[in-house]
Amino acid sequence: MLELNALDACVVCRGNGWEEVAGSWGRVEKWECEVCRGGGILRVHRKLRVRVPARTSKLRLRGVGLPRPGRARGDAILAVTVR
């Protein structure tokens, strides 16, 4: 079991950093997201189950990397050290 702190797209603004709010006279206003404070990214704690093959020094974890607005999640590279 691997536990890590990761970054994830904000669930409120979907990674944009702003929210569309109904303003006066039917206008739509853009406000900075209050949850992520305009960054579009939140820190989350994740638990992953990873199998490490013998004699492996690096693993590529597909779809676990940084979120990118409008695109798929990137890959994370995990360096393995045996003590």
C-alpha atoms as a PDB file:
ATOM      1  CA  MET A   1       0.000   0.000   0.000  1.00  0.00           C
ATOM      2  CA  LEU A   2       1.366   3.388  -0.998  1.00  0.00           C
ATOM      3  CA  GLU A   3       0.109   6.559   0.653  1.00  0.00           C
ATOM      4  CA  LEU A   4       0.868   9.901  -0.929  1.00  0.00           C
ATOM      5  CA  ASN A   5      -0.180  13.509  -0.930  1.00  0.00           C
ATOM      6  CA  ALA A   6      -1.262  14.468  -4.410  1.00  0.00           C
ATOM      7  CA  LEU A   7      -2.780  17.370  -6.280  1.00  0.00           C
ATOM      8  CA  ASP A   8      -6.241  17.146  -7.788  1.00  0.00           C
ATOM      9  CA  ALA A   9      -8.439  19.490  -9.786  1.00  0.00           C
ATOM     10  CA  CYS A  10     -10.843  21.506  -7.641  1.00  0.00           C
ATOM     11  CA  VAL A  11     -14.295  19.890  -7.595  1.00  0.00           C
ATOM     12  CA  VAL A  12     -16.090  23.251  -7.428  1.00  0.00           C
ATOM     13  CA  CYS A  13     -14.470  25.089 -10.372  1.00  0.00           C
ATOM     14  CA  ARG A  14     -13.246  21.919 -12.182  1.00  0.00           C
ATOM     15  CA  GLY A  15      -9.688  23.241 -12.279  1.00  0.00           C
ATOM     16  CA  ASN A  16     -10.488  26.608 -13.870  1.00  0.00           C
ATOM     17  CA  GLY A  17      -9.841  28.714 -10.772  1.00  0.00           C
ATOM     18  CA  TRP A  18     -13.059  30.706 -11.191  1.00  0.00           C
ATOM     19  CA  GLU A  19     -16.798  30.195 -10.863  1.00  0.00           C
ATOM     20  CA  GLU A  20     -19.569  31.614 -12.995  1.00  0.00           C
ATOM     21  CA  VAL A  21     -22.108  33.379 -10.817  1.00  0.00           C
ATOM     22  CA  ALA A  22     -25.426  34.889 -11.880  1.00  0.00           C
ATOM     23  CA  GLY A  23     -25.105  38.653 -11.522  1.00  0.00           C
ATOM     24  CA  SER A  24     -27.536  41.504 -11.860  1.00  0.00           C
ATOM     25  CA  TRP A  25     -29.547  42.070 -15.038  1.00  0.00           C
ATOM     26  CA  GLY A  26     -29.027  38.487 -16.184  1.00  0.00           C
ATOM     27  CA  ARG A  27     -25.275  38.873 -16.561  1.00  0.00           C
ATOM     28  CA  VAL A  28     -22.906  36.056 -15.751  1.00  0.00           C
ATOM     29  CA  GLU A  29     -19.930  37.142 -13.667  1.00  0.00           C
ATOM     30  CA  LYS A  30     -16.701  35.240 -13.089  1.00  0.00           C
ATOM     31  CA  TRP A  31     -15.458  35.151  -9.503  1.00  0.00           C
ATOM     32  CA  GLU A  32     -12.334  33.605  -8.076  1.00  0.00           C
ATOM     33  CA  CYS A  33     -13.134  30.152  -6.658  1.00  0.00           C
ATOM     34  CA  GLU A  34     -13.376  30.294  -2.863  1.00  0.00           C
ATOM     35  CA  VAL A  35     -12.412  26.643  -2.377  1.00  0.00           C
ATOM     36  CA  CYS A  36      -9.076  26.614  -4.263  1.00  0.00           C
ATOM     37  CA  ARG A  37      -8.553  30.412  -4.077  1.00  0.00           C
ATOM     38  CA  GLY A  38      -8.164  30.694  -7.840  1.00  0.00           C
ATOM     39  CA  GLY A  39      -5.470  28.050  -8.193  1.00  0.00           C
ATOM     40  CA  GLY A  40      -7.736  25.335  -9.633  1.00  0.00           C
ATOM     41  CA  ILE A  41      -5.858  22.649  -7.685  1.00  0.00           C
ATOM     42  CA  LEU A  42      -6.375  21.085  -4.244  1.00  0.00           C
ATOM     43  CA  ARG A  43      -4.106  18.871  -2.148  1.00  0.00           C
ATOM     44  CA  VAL A  44      -5.581  15.430  -1.474  1.00  0.00           C
ATOM     45  CA  HIS A  45      -4.405  12.316   0.385  1.00  0.00           C
ATOM     46  CA  ARG A  46      -4.485   9.114  -1.661  1.00  0.00           C
ATOM     47  CA  LYS A  47      -3.882   5.450  -1.000  1.00  0.00           C
ATOM     48  CA  LEU A  48      -2.743   3.299  -3.913  1.00  0.00           C
ATOM     49  CA  ARG A  49      -2.012  -0.385  -4.159  1.00  0.00           C
ATOM     50  CA  VAL A  50       1.117  -0.822  -6.291  1.00  0.00           C
ATOM     51  CA  ARG A  51       2.988  -3.986  -7.248  1.00  0.00           C
ATOM     52  CA  VAL A  52       6.721  -3.439  -7.554  1.00  0.00           C
ATOM     53  CA  PRO A  53       8.408  -5.995  -9.835  1.00  0.00           C
ATOM     54  CA  ALA A  54      11.813  -7.318  -8.754  1.00  0.00           C
ATOM     55  CA  ARG A  55      14.868  -5.287  -9.823  1.00  0.00           C
ATOM     56  CA  THR A  56      12.822  -2.176 -10.555  1.00  0.00           C
ATOM     57  CA  SER A  57      14.145   1.303  -9.778  1.00  0.00           C
ATOM     58  CA  LYS A  58      11.366   3.408 -11.362  1.00  0.00           C
ATOM     59  CA  LEU A  59       7.644   2.901 -11.913  1.00  0.00           C
ATOM     60  CA  ARG A  60       5.293   4.878 -14.134  1.00  0.00           C
ATOM     61  CA  LEU A  61       1.875   5.310 -12.548  1.00  0.00           C
ATOM     62  CA  ARG A  62      -0.452   6.180 -15.414  1.00  0.00           C
ATOM     63  CA  GLY A  63      -3.165   8.732 -14.726  1.00  0.00           C
ATOM     64  CA  VAL A  64      -1.919   9.562 -11.214  1.00  0.00           C
ATOM     65  CA  GLY A  65       0.105  12.692 -12.053  1.00  0.00           C
ATOM     66  CA  LEU A  66      -0.906  16.338 -12.065  1.00  0.00           C
ATOM     67  CA  PRO A  67      -4.319  17.341 -13.388  1.00  0.00           C
ATOM     68  CA  ARG A  68      -4.344  19.554 -16.485  1.00  0.00           C
ATOM     69  CA  PRO A  69      -7.420  21.641 -17.323  1.00  0.00           C
ATOM     70  CA  GLY A  70      -9.212  20.221 -20.354  1.00  0.00           C
ATOM     71  CA  ARG A  71      -6.794  17.306 -20.738  1.00  0.00           C
ATOM     72  CA  ALA A  72      -6.213  13.886 -19.224  1.00  0.00           C
ATOM     73  CA  ARG A  73      -4.230  13.452 -16.036  1.00  0.00           C
ATOM     74  CA  GLY A  74      -0.494  13.012 -16.489  1.00  0.00           C
ATOM     75  CA  ASP A  75       1.667  10.125 -15.309  1.00  0.00           C
ATOM     76  CA  ALA A  76       3.650  10.038 -12.077  1.00  0.00           C
ATOM     77  CA  ILE A  77       7.139   8.559 -11.948  1.00  0.00           C
ATOM     78  CA  LEU A  78       7.889   6.723  -8.690  1.00  0.00           C
ATOM     79  CA  ALA A  79      11.521   6.143  -7.714  1.00  0.00           C
ATOM     80  CA  VAL A  80      11.934   2.867  -5.774  1.00  0.00           C
ATOM     81  CA  THR A  81      14.637   2.478  -3.142  1.00  0.00           C
ATOM     82  CA  VAL A  82      15.119  -0.679  -1.072  1.00  0.00           C
ATOM     83  CA  ARG A  83      16.656  -0.284   2.378  1.00  0.00           C
END
